N, C-alpha and C. Protein backbone atom coordinates (compact mmCIF):
# COMPACT_ATOMS: atom_id res chain seq x y z
N MET A 1 7.13 -7.28 29.22
CA MET A 1 6.40 -6.18 28.70
C MET A 1 6.43 -6.29 27.38
N ILE A 2 5.39 -5.69 26.55
CA ILE A 2 5.38 -6.00 25.13
C ILE A 2 5.29 -4.19 25.06
N SER A 3 6.04 -3.62 24.00
CA SER A 3 5.82 -2.27 23.36
C SER A 3 5.23 -2.13 22.42
N ILE A 4 3.91 -1.42 22.37
CA ILE A 4 3.22 -1.76 21.17
C ILE A 4 3.17 -0.09 20.47
N CYS A 5 4.16 0.02 19.12
CA CYS A 5 4.52 1.15 18.49
C CYS A 5 3.24 1.45 17.62
N ILE A 6 2.73 2.41 17.69
CA ILE A 6 1.38 3.11 16.52
C ILE A 6 2.17 4.09 15.89
N SER A 7 1.86 4.53 14.75
CA SER A 7 1.85 5.53 13.89
C SER A 7 0.38 6.36 13.59
N THR A 8 0.28 7.26 13.42
CA THR A 8 -1.08 7.57 13.37
C THR A 8 -1.38 9.05 13.08
N LYS A 9 -2.36 9.15 12.41
CA LYS A 9 -2.36 11.02 11.50
C LYS A 9 -3.77 11.81 12.01
N ASP A 10 -3.50 11.74 13.15
CA ASP A 10 -4.79 12.42 13.57
C ASP A 10 -6.34 11.71 12.91
N ARG A 11 -5.85 10.35 13.24
CA ARG A 11 -7.37 9.39 12.53
C ARG A 11 -8.01 9.07 14.38
N TYR A 12 -8.46 9.86 15.04
CA TYR A 12 -8.79 9.39 15.90
C TYR A 12 -9.84 8.19 16.31
N GLU A 13 -10.86 7.90 15.63
CA GLU A 13 -11.96 7.05 15.48
C GLU A 13 -11.17 5.58 15.36
N ALA A 14 -10.41 5.71 14.37
CA ALA A 14 -9.59 4.50 14.34
C ALA A 14 -8.46 3.86 15.44
N LEU A 15 -7.83 4.71 15.80
CA LEU A 15 -7.23 4.61 16.67
C LEU A 15 -7.70 4.43 17.93
N ASN A 16 -9.01 4.87 18.44
CA ASN A 16 -9.72 4.31 19.55
C ASN A 16 -10.09 2.75 19.49
N LYS A 17 -10.64 2.82 18.26
CA LYS A 17 -10.98 1.31 17.91
C LYS A 17 -9.81 0.27 18.32
N LEU A 18 -8.77 0.66 17.60
CA LEU A 18 -7.62 -0.15 17.74
C LEU A 18 -6.97 -0.27 19.30
N MET A 19 -7.24 0.95 20.23
CA MET A 19 -6.94 0.91 21.35
C MET A 19 -7.86 0.06 21.92
N GLU A 20 -9.19 -0.02 21.82
CA GLU A 20 -10.24 -0.87 22.52
C GLU A 20 -9.52 -2.25 22.27
N SER A 21 -9.39 -2.51 21.05
CA SER A 21 -8.92 -4.08 20.97
C SER A 21 -7.57 -4.63 21.84
N ILE A 22 -6.85 -3.76 21.45
CA ILE A 22 -5.38 -4.18 22.48
C ILE A 22 -5.95 -4.31 23.95
N LYS A 23 -6.61 -3.48 24.75
CA LYS A 23 -7.00 -3.38 25.66
C LYS A 23 -7.62 -4.73 26.03
N LYS A 24 -8.76 -5.16 25.38
CA LYS A 24 -9.63 -6.45 25.19
C LYS A 24 -8.66 -7.73 25.19
N ASN A 25 -7.43 -7.51 24.00
CA ASN A 25 -6.64 -8.98 23.99
C ASN A 25 -5.30 -9.00 24.50
N THR A 26 -4.90 -8.14 25.39
CA THR A 26 -3.30 -7.75 25.52
C THR A 26 -2.90 -7.37 27.03
N LYS A 27 -2.23 -8.23 27.65
CA LYS A 27 -1.68 -8.08 28.92
C LYS A 27 -0.58 -7.55 28.91
N ASP A 28 -0.01 -6.90 30.16
CA ASP A 28 1.40 -6.49 30.21
C ASP A 28 2.24 -5.65 28.85
N TYR A 29 1.81 -4.50 28.79
CA TYR A 29 2.12 -3.64 27.29
C TYR A 29 2.07 -2.25 27.75
N GLU A 30 2.63 -1.86 26.97
CA GLU A 30 2.79 0.02 26.98
C GLU A 30 2.27 0.52 25.53
N LEU A 31 1.70 1.39 25.29
CA LEU A 31 1.33 1.91 24.06
C LEU A 31 2.22 2.97 24.19
N ILE A 32 2.83 3.08 22.63
CA ILE A 32 3.68 4.46 22.50
C ILE A 32 3.18 4.78 20.96
N ILE A 33 2.64 5.88 21.22
CA ILE A 33 1.51 6.48 19.73
C ILE A 33 2.45 7.62 19.50
N HIS A 34 2.92 7.76 18.19
CA HIS A 34 3.40 8.79 17.25
C HIS A 34 2.22 9.59 16.55
N ASN A 35 1.69 10.73 16.96
CA ASN A 35 0.74 11.43 16.16
C ASN A 35 1.26 12.26 15.22
N ASP A 36 1.14 12.03 13.55
CA ASP A 36 1.59 12.85 12.79
C ASP A 36 1.06 13.47 12.13
N SER A 37 0.49 14.76 12.84
CA SER A 37 -0.27 15.64 12.45
C SER A 37 0.14 16.24 11.08
N ILE A 38 -1.21 16.78 10.16
CA ILE A 38 -0.92 17.27 9.25
C ILE A 38 0.01 18.42 9.33
N GLY A 39 0.81 18.77 8.20
CA GLY A 39 1.98 19.88 8.35
C GLY A 39 2.75 19.69 9.13
N ASN A 40 3.00 18.34 9.91
CA ASN A 40 4.20 18.14 10.41
C ASN A 40 4.60 16.44 10.13
N SER A 41 4.46 16.09 8.65
CA SER A 41 4.75 15.21 8.39
C SER A 41 5.89 14.38 8.40
N ILE A 42 6.28 13.60 9.02
CA ILE A 42 7.59 12.66 8.91
C ILE A 42 7.68 11.17 7.97
N PRO A 43 8.24 10.67 7.75
CA PRO A 43 8.16 9.27 7.15
C PRO A 43 7.33 8.03 8.55
N VAL A 44 6.69 7.54 7.88
CA VAL A 44 6.40 6.26 8.93
C VAL A 44 7.80 5.48 9.81
N ALA A 45 8.70 5.29 8.74
CA ALA A 45 9.86 4.57 9.67
C ALA A 45 10.30 5.68 10.68
N THR A 46 10.61 6.99 10.39
CA THR A 46 11.08 7.65 11.80
C THR A 46 10.06 7.62 12.72
N ALA A 47 8.30 7.85 12.51
CA ALA A 47 7.48 7.74 13.37
C ALA A 47 7.51 6.38 14.04
N TRP A 48 8.02 5.29 13.29
CA TRP A 48 8.46 3.98 14.51
C TRP A 48 9.61 4.25 15.20
N ASN A 49 10.56 4.78 14.55
CA ASN A 49 11.78 4.51 15.28
C ASN A 49 11.80 5.34 16.65
N LYS A 50 11.07 6.90 16.30
CA LYS A 50 10.47 7.32 17.36
C LYS A 50 10.06 6.65 18.77
N CYS A 51 9.04 5.92 18.23
CA CYS A 51 8.06 5.20 19.54
C CYS A 51 9.29 3.97 19.92
N ALA A 52 10.09 3.49 18.90
CA ALA A 52 11.21 2.21 19.83
C ALA A 52 12.14 2.95 20.72
N ARG A 53 12.45 4.02 20.22
CA ARG A 53 13.53 4.80 21.18
C ARG A 53 12.91 4.93 22.30
N ARG A 54 11.50 5.22 22.65
CA ARG A 54 10.82 5.45 24.04
C ARG A 54 10.56 4.16 24.88
N SER A 55 10.75 3.20 24.34
CA SER A 55 10.16 1.88 24.38
C SER A 55 10.86 1.13 25.67
N LYS A 56 10.50 0.34 26.63
CA LYS A 56 10.52 -0.19 27.68
C LYS A 56 10.72 -1.77 27.83
N GLY A 57 10.00 -2.22 26.62
CA GLY A 57 9.61 -3.54 26.50
C GLY A 57 10.72 -4.53 26.04
N LYS A 58 11.11 -5.81 26.57
CA LYS A 58 11.68 -6.45 26.08
C LYS A 58 11.47 -6.59 24.00
N TYR A 59 9.98 -6.94 24.10
CA TYR A 59 9.93 -6.98 22.58
C TYR A 59 8.62 -5.57 21.74
N LEU A 60 8.68 -5.55 20.75
CA LEU A 60 8.32 -4.49 19.70
C LEU A 60 7.42 -4.84 18.87
N VAL A 61 6.21 -4.22 18.80
CA VAL A 61 5.14 -4.48 17.73
C VAL A 61 5.02 -3.46 17.14
N PHE A 62 4.87 -3.09 15.69
CA PHE A 62 4.74 -2.13 15.02
C PHE A 62 3.41 -2.33 14.03
N LEU A 63 2.39 -1.13 14.57
CA LEU A 63 1.25 -0.99 13.99
C LEU A 63 0.86 0.01 13.33
N ASN A 64 -0.62 -0.05 12.47
CA ASN A 64 -0.73 1.16 11.85
C ASN A 64 -2.30 1.75 12.89
N ASP A 65 -2.76 2.58 12.35
CA ASP A 65 -3.75 3.03 13.43
C ASP A 65 -5.05 2.38 12.83
N ASP A 66 -4.98 1.94 11.74
CA ASP A 66 -6.28 1.40 11.17
C ASP A 66 -6.34 0.01 11.34
N MET A 67 -6.20 -0.43 12.65
CA MET A 67 -6.14 -2.14 12.65
C MET A 67 -7.09 -2.39 13.82
N GLU A 68 -7.22 -3.98 13.88
CA GLU A 68 -7.43 -4.05 15.28
C GLU A 68 -6.69 -5.72 15.93
N VAL A 69 -6.26 -5.87 17.34
CA VAL A 69 -5.71 -7.08 17.37
C VAL A 69 -6.85 -8.25 18.08
N THR A 70 -6.26 -9.25 18.01
CA THR A 70 -7.23 -10.21 18.23
C THR A 70 -6.80 -11.38 19.45
N GLU A 71 -7.82 -12.06 20.08
CA GLU A 71 -7.13 -12.70 21.31
C GLU A 71 -5.76 -13.77 20.75
N GLY A 72 -4.86 -13.50 21.78
CA GLY A 72 -3.83 -14.49 22.07
C GLY A 72 -2.81 -14.05 20.78
N TRP A 73 -2.97 -12.54 20.44
CA TRP A 73 -1.96 -12.20 19.27
C TRP A 73 -0.93 -12.22 19.83
N ILE A 74 -0.29 -11.66 21.11
CA ILE A 74 1.06 -11.62 21.56
C ILE A 74 1.39 -12.43 22.39
N GLU A 75 0.63 -13.30 22.99
CA GLU A 75 1.07 -14.82 23.51
C GLU A 75 1.72 -15.85 22.33
N SER A 76 0.97 -15.67 21.34
CA SER A 76 1.34 -16.82 20.02
C SER A 76 2.59 -16.29 19.65
N GLN A 77 2.78 -14.97 19.45
CA GLN A 77 4.11 -14.46 18.67
C GLN A 77 5.54 -14.69 19.87
N THR A 78 5.24 -14.16 21.55
CA THR A 78 5.94 -14.15 22.33
C THR A 78 6.72 -15.99 22.55
N ALA A 79 5.72 -16.95 22.15
CA ALA A 79 6.37 -18.28 22.22
C ALA A 79 7.05 -18.48 21.13
N MET A 80 6.37 -18.10 19.98
CA MET A 80 7.24 -18.56 18.75
C MET A 80 8.36 -17.94 18.57
N TYR A 81 8.48 -16.80 19.05
CA TYR A 81 10.14 -16.06 19.08
C TYR A 81 10.80 -16.31 19.58
N GLU A 82 10.49 -17.28 21.43
CA GLU A 82 11.26 -17.68 22.13
C GLU A 82 11.63 -19.06 21.71
N THR A 83 11.16 -19.72 21.17
CA THR A 83 11.13 -21.05 20.27
C THR A 83 12.06 -21.60 19.20
N PHE A 84 11.83 -20.59 17.97
CA PHE A 84 12.33 -20.95 16.92
C PHE A 84 13.60 -20.29 16.81
N PRO A 85 14.60 -21.00 16.25
CA PRO A 85 16.31 -20.71 15.95
C PRO A 85 16.25 -19.32 15.11
N LEU A 86 17.28 -18.51 15.30
CA LEU A 86 17.63 -17.59 14.58
C LEU A 86 16.59 -16.68 14.02
N VAL A 87 15.81 -16.29 15.41
CA VAL A 87 14.33 -15.70 14.58
C VAL A 87 15.10 -13.88 14.66
N GLY A 88 14.45 -13.50 13.78
CA GLY A 88 14.78 -11.74 13.60
C GLY A 88 13.38 -11.20 14.06
N SER A 89 12.74 -11.31 13.10
CA SER A 89 11.32 -10.83 13.19
C SER A 89 10.22 -11.61 12.86
N LEU A 90 8.93 -11.63 13.30
CA LEU A 90 7.55 -12.39 13.15
C LEU A 90 6.69 -11.75 12.46
N ALA A 91 5.93 -12.14 11.64
CA ALA A 91 4.95 -11.86 10.63
C ALA A 91 3.42 -12.43 11.46
N PHE A 92 2.60 -11.35 10.83
CA PHE A 92 1.15 -11.78 11.70
C PHE A 92 0.40 -11.97 10.13
N LYS A 93 -0.53 -13.24 10.82
CA LYS A 93 -1.52 -13.41 9.49
C LYS A 93 -2.76 -12.19 9.82
N VAL A 94 -2.77 -11.24 8.50
CA VAL A 94 -3.58 -10.43 8.57
C VAL A 94 -4.46 -10.05 7.74
N PHE A 95 -5.72 -10.20 8.23
CA PHE A 95 -6.91 -9.89 7.10
C PHE A 95 -7.64 -8.56 7.23
N ASP A 96 -8.22 -8.44 5.96
CA ASP A 96 -8.88 -6.87 5.49
C ASP A 96 -10.30 -6.83 6.33
N ASP A 97 -10.88 -5.88 5.82
CA ASP A 97 -11.92 -5.61 6.39
C ASP A 97 -13.20 -6.63 6.12
N GLN A 98 -13.08 -7.25 4.90
CA GLN A 98 -13.82 -8.15 4.40
C GLN A 98 -13.78 -9.60 4.56
N GLY A 99 -12.71 -9.94 5.23
CA GLY A 99 -12.56 -11.27 6.06
C GLY A 99 -11.64 -11.96 5.03
N ASN A 100 -10.85 -10.97 4.06
CA ASN A 100 -9.88 -11.70 2.99
C ASN A 100 -8.51 -11.60 3.50
N ILE A 101 -7.67 -12.45 3.13
CA ILE A 101 -6.39 -12.58 3.52
C ILE A 101 -5.36 -11.22 2.94
N GLN A 102 -4.93 -10.55 3.90
CA GLN A 102 -4.27 -9.51 2.95
C GLN A 102 -2.86 -9.56 3.20
N SER A 103 -2.44 -10.29 4.55
CA SER A 103 -0.90 -10.92 4.29
C SER A 103 -0.52 -12.03 5.25
N ARG A 104 0.46 -12.65 4.88
CA ARG A 104 1.40 -13.77 5.80
C ARG A 104 2.92 -13.15 5.87
N GLY A 105 2.78 -12.25 5.93
CA GLY A 105 4.11 -11.54 5.38
C GLY A 105 4.40 -11.55 4.20
N HIS A 106 5.86 -11.21 3.65
CA HIS A 106 5.96 -11.14 2.05
C HIS A 106 7.07 -11.78 1.89
N SER A 107 7.24 -12.16 0.68
CA SER A 107 8.71 -12.46 0.37
C SER A 107 8.91 -12.05 -1.31
N PHE A 108 9.89 -12.09 -1.52
CA PHE A 108 10.45 -11.99 -3.13
C PHE A 108 11.08 -13.14 -3.50
N ASN A 109 10.87 -13.06 -5.02
CA ASN A 109 11.46 -13.74 -6.10
C ASN A 109 12.23 -13.06 -6.76
N GLY A 110 13.22 -13.05 -6.71
CA GLY A 110 14.31 -12.00 -7.45
C GLY A 110 13.89 -10.64 -6.73
N LEU A 111 13.41 -9.67 -7.89
CA LEU A 111 12.64 -8.52 -7.28
C LEU A 111 11.19 -8.21 -7.00
N ILE A 112 10.78 -9.54 -7.38
CA ILE A 112 9.14 -9.48 -7.44
C ILE A 112 8.80 -9.80 -5.97
N PRO A 113 7.99 -8.77 -5.14
CA PRO A 113 7.49 -9.31 -3.72
C PRO A 113 6.08 -10.31 -4.39
N TYR A 114 5.90 -11.27 -3.41
CA TYR A 114 4.82 -12.09 -3.39
C TYR A 114 4.28 -12.50 -2.33
N LEU A 115 2.87 -12.67 -2.08
CA LEU A 115 2.35 -13.19 -0.94
C LEU A 115 2.45 -14.77 -0.70
N PRO A 116 3.00 -15.38 0.41
CA PRO A 116 3.56 -16.48 0.44
C PRO A 116 2.45 -17.46 0.52
N PRO A 117 2.59 -18.80 0.28
CA PRO A 117 1.14 -19.80 0.54
C PRO A 117 1.03 -20.19 2.24
N GLU A 118 0.08 -20.46 2.69
CA GLU A 118 -0.31 -20.62 3.97
C GLU A 118 0.69 -21.52 4.68
N ASP A 119 1.30 -22.54 3.89
CA ASP A 119 2.29 -23.54 4.03
C ASP A 119 3.42 -23.04 4.77
N VAL A 120 4.03 -21.88 4.08
CA VAL A 120 5.38 -21.31 4.10
C VAL A 120 5.73 -20.82 5.65
N ILE A 121 6.31 -20.85 5.96
CA ILE A 121 6.80 -20.70 7.70
C ILE A 121 7.81 -19.23 7.45
N GLU A 122 8.70 -19.59 6.58
CA GLU A 122 9.95 -18.67 6.85
C GLU A 122 9.84 -17.42 5.45
N VAL A 123 9.59 -16.17 5.89
CA VAL A 123 9.30 -15.07 4.80
C VAL A 123 10.50 -14.27 4.97
N ASP A 124 10.49 -13.28 3.94
CA ASP A 124 11.19 -11.98 3.69
C ASP A 124 11.22 -10.87 4.71
N TYR A 125 9.96 -10.72 5.02
CA TYR A 125 9.44 -9.74 5.88
C TYR A 125 8.31 -9.53 6.33
N SER A 126 7.77 -9.02 7.45
CA SER A 126 6.66 -8.48 8.12
C SER A 126 5.96 -7.27 8.27
N ASP A 127 4.69 -6.92 7.49
CA ASP A 127 4.53 -5.41 7.14
C ASP A 127 4.40 -5.02 9.03
N HIS A 128 3.92 -5.73 9.59
CA HIS A 128 3.98 -5.54 10.88
C HIS A 128 4.85 -6.21 12.11
N PRO A 129 5.92 -5.82 11.79
CA PRO A 129 7.05 -7.07 12.56
C PRO A 129 6.78 -6.63 14.09
N PHE A 130 7.07 -7.82 14.80
CA PHE A 130 7.45 -8.27 15.87
C PHE A 130 8.69 -8.87 15.96
N VAL A 131 9.45 -7.94 17.07
CA VAL A 131 10.81 -8.20 16.91
C VAL A 131 11.20 -7.71 18.44
N SER A 132 12.42 -8.11 18.93
CA SER A 132 13.06 -7.84 19.98
C SER A 132 13.47 -6.35 19.70
N ARG A 133 13.63 -5.69 21.25
CA ARG A 133 14.18 -4.13 21.13
C ARG A 133 15.84 -4.45 21.01
N LYS A 134 16.20 -5.35 21.20
CA LYS A 134 17.56 -5.65 20.95
C LYS A 134 18.08 -5.86 19.71
N LEU A 135 17.45 -6.66 18.88
CA LEU A 135 17.82 -6.69 17.39
C LEU A 135 17.25 -5.19 16.66
N TRP A 136 16.11 -4.86 16.95
CA TRP A 136 15.52 -3.54 16.69
C TRP A 136 16.96 -2.39 16.68
N GLU A 137 17.45 -2.39 17.81
CA GLU A 137 18.84 -1.57 17.91
C GLU A 137 19.76 -1.83 17.17
N ARG A 138 20.10 -3.16 16.96
CA ARG A 138 21.54 -3.92 16.20
C ARG A 138 21.33 -3.42 14.87
N VAL A 139 20.34 -3.77 14.24
CA VAL A 139 20.31 -3.47 12.66
C VAL A 139 19.83 -1.76 12.63
N GLY A 140 19.69 -0.73 13.52
CA GLY A 140 19.49 0.54 13.31
C GLY A 140 17.83 0.80 13.08
N GLY A 141 17.34 0.00 13.31
CA GLY A 141 15.87 0.13 13.32
C GLY A 141 15.59 0.52 11.93
N PHE A 142 14.20 1.01 11.58
CA PHE A 142 13.70 1.19 10.37
C PHE A 142 14.28 2.10 9.36
N THR A 143 14.38 2.29 8.11
CA THR A 143 14.82 2.88 7.20
C THR A 143 13.79 3.59 6.24
N ALA A 144 13.37 4.76 6.33
CA ALA A 144 12.68 5.55 5.44
C ALA A 144 13.29 5.58 3.90
N HIS A 145 12.50 5.00 3.05
CA HIS A 145 12.63 5.17 1.77
C HIS A 145 11.87 6.42 1.03
N ASN A 146 10.66 7.01 1.72
CA ASN A 146 9.92 7.66 1.20
C ASN A 146 9.07 8.11 2.40
N LYS A 147 8.17 8.95 2.32
CA LYS A 147 7.25 9.36 3.52
C LYS A 147 6.66 7.86 4.11
N MET A 148 6.32 6.89 3.09
CA MET A 148 5.95 5.40 3.74
C MET A 148 6.29 4.69 2.55
N TYR A 149 5.94 3.29 3.03
CA TYR A 149 6.36 2.10 2.00
C TYR A 149 7.72 1.56 2.20
N PHE A 150 7.53 0.24 2.13
CA PHE A 150 8.85 -0.52 1.77
C PHE A 150 10.00 -0.64 3.32
N GLU A 151 9.53 0.30 4.10
CA GLU A 151 10.52 0.13 5.18
C GLU A 151 10.10 -0.98 6.25
N ASP A 152 8.97 -1.52 6.18
CA ASP A 152 8.98 -3.03 6.92
C ASP A 152 9.68 -4.12 5.85
N ALA A 153 10.13 -4.03 4.56
CA ALA A 153 10.52 -4.77 3.75
C ALA A 153 12.05 -4.62 3.90
N SER A 154 12.57 -3.17 4.13
CA SER A 154 13.99 -3.12 4.48
C SER A 154 14.34 -3.64 5.74
N PHE A 155 13.31 -3.43 6.64
CA PHE A 155 13.97 -4.24 7.74
C PHE A 155 14.11 -5.63 8.19
N GLY A 156 13.15 -6.27 7.54
CA GLY A 156 13.40 -7.70 7.32
C GLY A 156 14.38 -8.00 6.67
N LEU A 157 14.77 -7.17 5.30
CA LEU A 157 16.12 -7.74 4.62
C LEU A 157 17.14 -7.63 5.69
N LYS A 158 17.27 -6.49 6.33
CA LYS A 158 18.35 -6.01 7.19
C LYS A 158 18.54 -7.15 8.30
N LEU A 159 17.44 -7.71 8.91
CA LEU A 159 17.48 -9.12 9.78
C LEU A 159 18.28 -10.20 9.40
N GLN A 160 17.81 -10.37 7.96
CA GLN A 160 18.41 -11.40 7.16
C GLN A 160 19.70 -11.67 6.83
N SER A 161 19.91 -10.58 6.05
CA SER A 161 21.20 -10.02 5.72
C SER A 161 22.39 -10.30 6.95
N ILE A 162 21.85 -10.49 8.20
CA ILE A 162 23.02 -10.62 9.40
C ILE A 162 22.56 -12.02 9.80
N GLY A 163 22.01 -12.94 9.00
CA GLY A 163 22.26 -14.50 9.18
C GLY A 163 20.71 -14.87 10.15
N LEU A 164 19.75 -14.03 10.27
CA LEU A 164 18.73 -14.33 11.12
C LEU A 164 17.31 -14.55 10.19
N LYS A 165 16.52 -15.13 10.93
CA LYS A 165 15.43 -15.78 9.99
C LYS A 165 14.12 -14.84 10.44
N ASN A 166 13.14 -14.68 9.31
CA ASN A 166 11.81 -14.15 10.02
C ASN A 166 10.56 -14.73 9.58
N TYR A 167 10.07 -15.27 10.28
CA TYR A 167 8.92 -16.17 10.22
C TYR A 167 7.55 -15.96 10.32
N TYR A 168 6.61 -16.47 9.61
CA TYR A 168 5.17 -16.38 9.49
C TYR A 168 4.40 -17.00 10.62
N ASN A 169 3.52 -16.43 11.46
CA ASN A 169 2.76 -17.37 12.74
C ASN A 169 1.63 -17.28 12.28
N SER A 170 1.02 -18.14 11.95
CA SER A 170 -0.78 -18.14 11.25
C SER A 170 -1.46 -18.15 12.42
N ASN A 171 -1.11 -18.00 13.73
CA ASN A 171 -1.93 -18.16 14.78
C ASN A 171 -2.06 -16.97 15.75
N ALA A 172 -1.29 -15.85 15.04
CA ALA A 172 -1.16 -14.52 15.38
C ALA A 172 -2.23 -13.32 14.54
N ILE A 173 -3.07 -13.21 14.75
CA ILE A 173 -4.05 -12.69 13.98
C ILE A 173 -4.26 -11.00 13.88
N LEU A 174 -4.10 -10.32 13.09
CA LEU A 174 -4.39 -8.72 12.99
C LEU A 174 -5.63 -8.43 11.65
N ILE A 175 -6.65 -7.27 11.85
CA ILE A 175 -7.34 -7.14 10.96
C ILE A 175 -7.02 -5.65 10.65
N HIS A 176 -6.68 -5.55 9.52
CA HIS A 176 -6.54 -4.39 8.87
C HIS A 176 -7.34 -3.86 7.89
N THR A 177 -8.11 -2.62 8.36
CA THR A 177 -9.20 -2.11 7.85
C THR A 177 -8.83 -1.26 6.26
N THR A 178 -7.54 -0.54 6.37
CA THR A 178 -6.71 0.14 5.63
C THR A 178 -7.75 1.56 4.88
N ILE A 179 -7.86 2.37 5.78
CA ILE A 179 -8.48 3.78 5.45
C ILE A 179 -8.14 4.30 4.13
N GLY A 180 -9.37 4.49 3.34
CA GLY A 180 -8.94 5.13 2.16
C GLY A 180 -8.90 3.85 0.94
N LEU A 181 -9.21 2.88 1.23
CA LEU A 181 -9.39 1.74 0.38
C LEU A 181 -10.97 1.39 -0.12
N ARG A 182 -11.52 0.63 0.83
CA ARG A 182 -12.99 0.98 0.63
C ARG A 182 -13.44 1.59 1.56
N VAL A 183 -12.82 2.18 2.81
CA VAL A 183 -13.72 3.13 3.71
C VAL A 183 -12.99 4.32 3.86
N GLY A 184 -13.61 5.04 4.28
CA GLY A 184 -12.90 6.67 4.72
C GLY A 184 -13.44 7.73 3.89
N THR A 185 -13.32 8.83 3.90
CA THR A 185 -13.70 9.99 3.43
C THR A 185 -13.26 10.07 1.75
N GLU A 186 -14.01 10.65 1.11
CA GLU A 186 -13.24 10.77 -0.08
C GLU A 186 -11.86 11.56 -0.19
N LYS A 187 -11.94 12.49 0.85
CA LYS A 187 -10.11 12.97 0.49
C LYS A 187 -9.30 12.10 1.08
N GLN A 188 -9.46 11.34 2.09
CA GLN A 188 -8.79 9.88 2.26
C GLN A 188 -8.48 9.19 1.24
N LYS A 189 -9.39 8.74 0.68
CA LYS A 189 -9.47 7.75 -0.79
C LYS A 189 -8.46 8.71 -1.51
N GLN A 190 -8.67 9.82 -1.59
CA GLN A 190 -7.89 10.54 -2.94
C GLN A 190 -6.27 10.50 -2.09
N ILE A 191 -6.29 10.65 -0.94
CA ILE A 191 -4.85 10.84 -0.75
C ILE A 191 -4.34 9.32 -0.48
N ARG A 192 -4.59 8.36 -0.49
CA ARG A 192 -4.12 6.89 -0.67
C ARG A 192 -4.01 6.79 -2.00
N GLN A 193 -4.91 6.86 -2.86
CA GLN A 193 -4.62 6.90 -4.50
C GLN A 193 -3.03 7.71 -5.35
N TYR A 194 -3.20 8.84 -4.30
CA TYR A 194 -2.05 9.46 -4.75
C TYR A 194 -0.62 8.79 -3.70
N ASN A 195 -0.81 8.30 -3.14
CA ASN A 195 0.52 7.72 -2.13
C ASN A 195 1.06 6.46 -3.06
N GLU A 196 -0.14 5.66 -3.79
CA GLU A 196 0.29 4.42 -4.29
C GLU A 196 0.64 4.79 -5.78
N LYS A 197 0.35 5.92 -6.11
CA LYS A 197 0.73 6.25 -7.46
C LYS A 197 2.11 6.75 -7.39
N VAL A 198 2.47 7.85 -6.86
CA VAL A 198 3.69 8.51 -6.46
C VAL A 198 4.45 8.33 -5.51
N ILE A 199 3.89 8.46 -4.19
CA ILE A 199 4.74 8.18 -3.31
C ILE A 199 5.60 6.66 -3.11
N GLN A 200 4.55 5.61 -3.49
CA GLN A 200 5.20 4.42 -3.42
C GLN A 200 6.31 4.19 -4.59
N GLN A 201 5.80 4.81 -5.56
CA GLN A 201 6.66 4.67 -6.91
C GLN A 201 8.24 4.99 -6.17
N LYS A 202 8.12 6.32 -5.95
CA LYS A 202 9.46 7.04 -5.32
C LYS A 202 10.45 5.96 -4.10
N ALA A 203 9.50 5.32 -3.43
CA ALA A 203 9.84 4.89 -2.25
C ALA A 203 10.55 3.20 -3.17
N ARG A 204 9.90 2.89 -3.92
CA ARG A 204 10.45 1.78 -4.73
C ARG A 204 11.49 1.87 -5.38
N GLU A 205 11.76 2.74 -6.06
CA GLU A 205 12.91 2.81 -6.37
C GLU A 205 13.87 3.07 -5.64
N ASP A 206 13.73 3.82 -4.59
CA ASP A 206 15.08 4.12 -3.29
C ASP A 206 15.12 2.61 -2.56
N PHE A 207 14.01 1.95 -2.54
CA PHE A 207 14.52 0.42 -1.99
C PHE A 207 15.39 -0.06 -2.93
N TYR A 208 14.77 -0.43 -4.02
CA TYR A 208 15.89 -1.41 -5.07
C TYR A 208 17.14 -0.66 -5.22
N LYS A 209 17.58 0.55 -4.97
CA LYS A 209 18.76 0.76 -5.10
C LYS A 209 20.05 0.31 -4.06
N GLN A 210 18.78 0.28 -3.13
CA GLN A 210 19.86 -0.52 -1.71
C GLN A 210 19.54 -1.84 -1.49
N TRP A 211 18.60 -2.66 -2.26
CA TRP A 211 18.88 -4.05 -1.93
C TRP A 211 18.29 -5.01 -3.40
N GLY A 212 18.50 -4.44 -4.30
CA GLY A 212 18.22 -4.90 -5.44
C GLY A 212 19.31 -5.92 -5.78
N ASP A 213 20.64 -5.38 -5.24
CA ASP A 213 21.53 -6.49 -5.64
C ASP A 213 21.18 -7.69 -5.04
N TYR A 214 21.20 -7.14 -3.73
CA TYR A 214 21.17 -8.54 -2.73
C TYR A 214 19.92 -9.24 -3.05
N LEU A 215 18.91 -8.86 -3.30
CA LEU A 215 17.68 -9.89 -3.97
C LEU A 215 18.11 -10.66 -5.31
N LEU A 216 18.59 -9.88 -5.74
CA LEU A 216 19.17 -10.84 -7.40
C LEU A 216 20.14 -11.88 -6.99
N SER A 217 21.07 -11.79 -5.82
CA SER A 217 21.99 -12.85 -5.66
C SER A 217 21.87 -13.78 -5.14
N ARG A 218 20.41 -14.03 -4.48
CA ARG A 218 19.55 -14.80 -3.94
C ARG A 218 19.40 -15.70 -4.78
N LYS A 219 19.12 -15.25 -5.62
CA LYS A 219 18.89 -16.44 -6.81
C LYS A 219 19.86 -17.33 -7.69
N LYS A 220 20.91 -16.94 -7.12
CA LYS A 220 22.42 -17.91 -7.82
C LYS A 220 22.17 -19.06 -6.85
């Protein structure tokens, strides 16, 4: 069984759309949803960890509420996970709502994150990791660097730092609308702009305090 862990913030329309796509394209799963209501805000990392602690599945996958899954998304990841050596987590191919590539997982060149080319299969981290529950437990779950941002990057580096590898699977596809970017209310767009200007910067600083030396040492 797959445990699908979702963090949401009272965005029921988006969440329902995600749940419909899961129902259509997934077998043998459980949904674990943390609704982070306004006024009771916790970091995304904490919400995902709360979901994972309640999970019963062999594998975990972590999603935002403004996403959709596609046919074969879980079967493809499961097959790859059970085939590749020293696997830590797997990344999806993620398209935005315009059909553009948003993510193939991500990697770092020194301290600079970048989107790997299509033909690179090993990456540093996944935005929406697919991982075994045992490995999530082994590395202590996600780390919150602020309310959001970089929890996915540090999780991937935790796995990598104990000798495991994170891979990108081009056959496992997600769609990420990203509410507040091109779609959403004016308030949602303002919140996203604030998060990217303020919250993300503070999270970046905390992340590099923890992982900066590790990332720089890999270039030697």
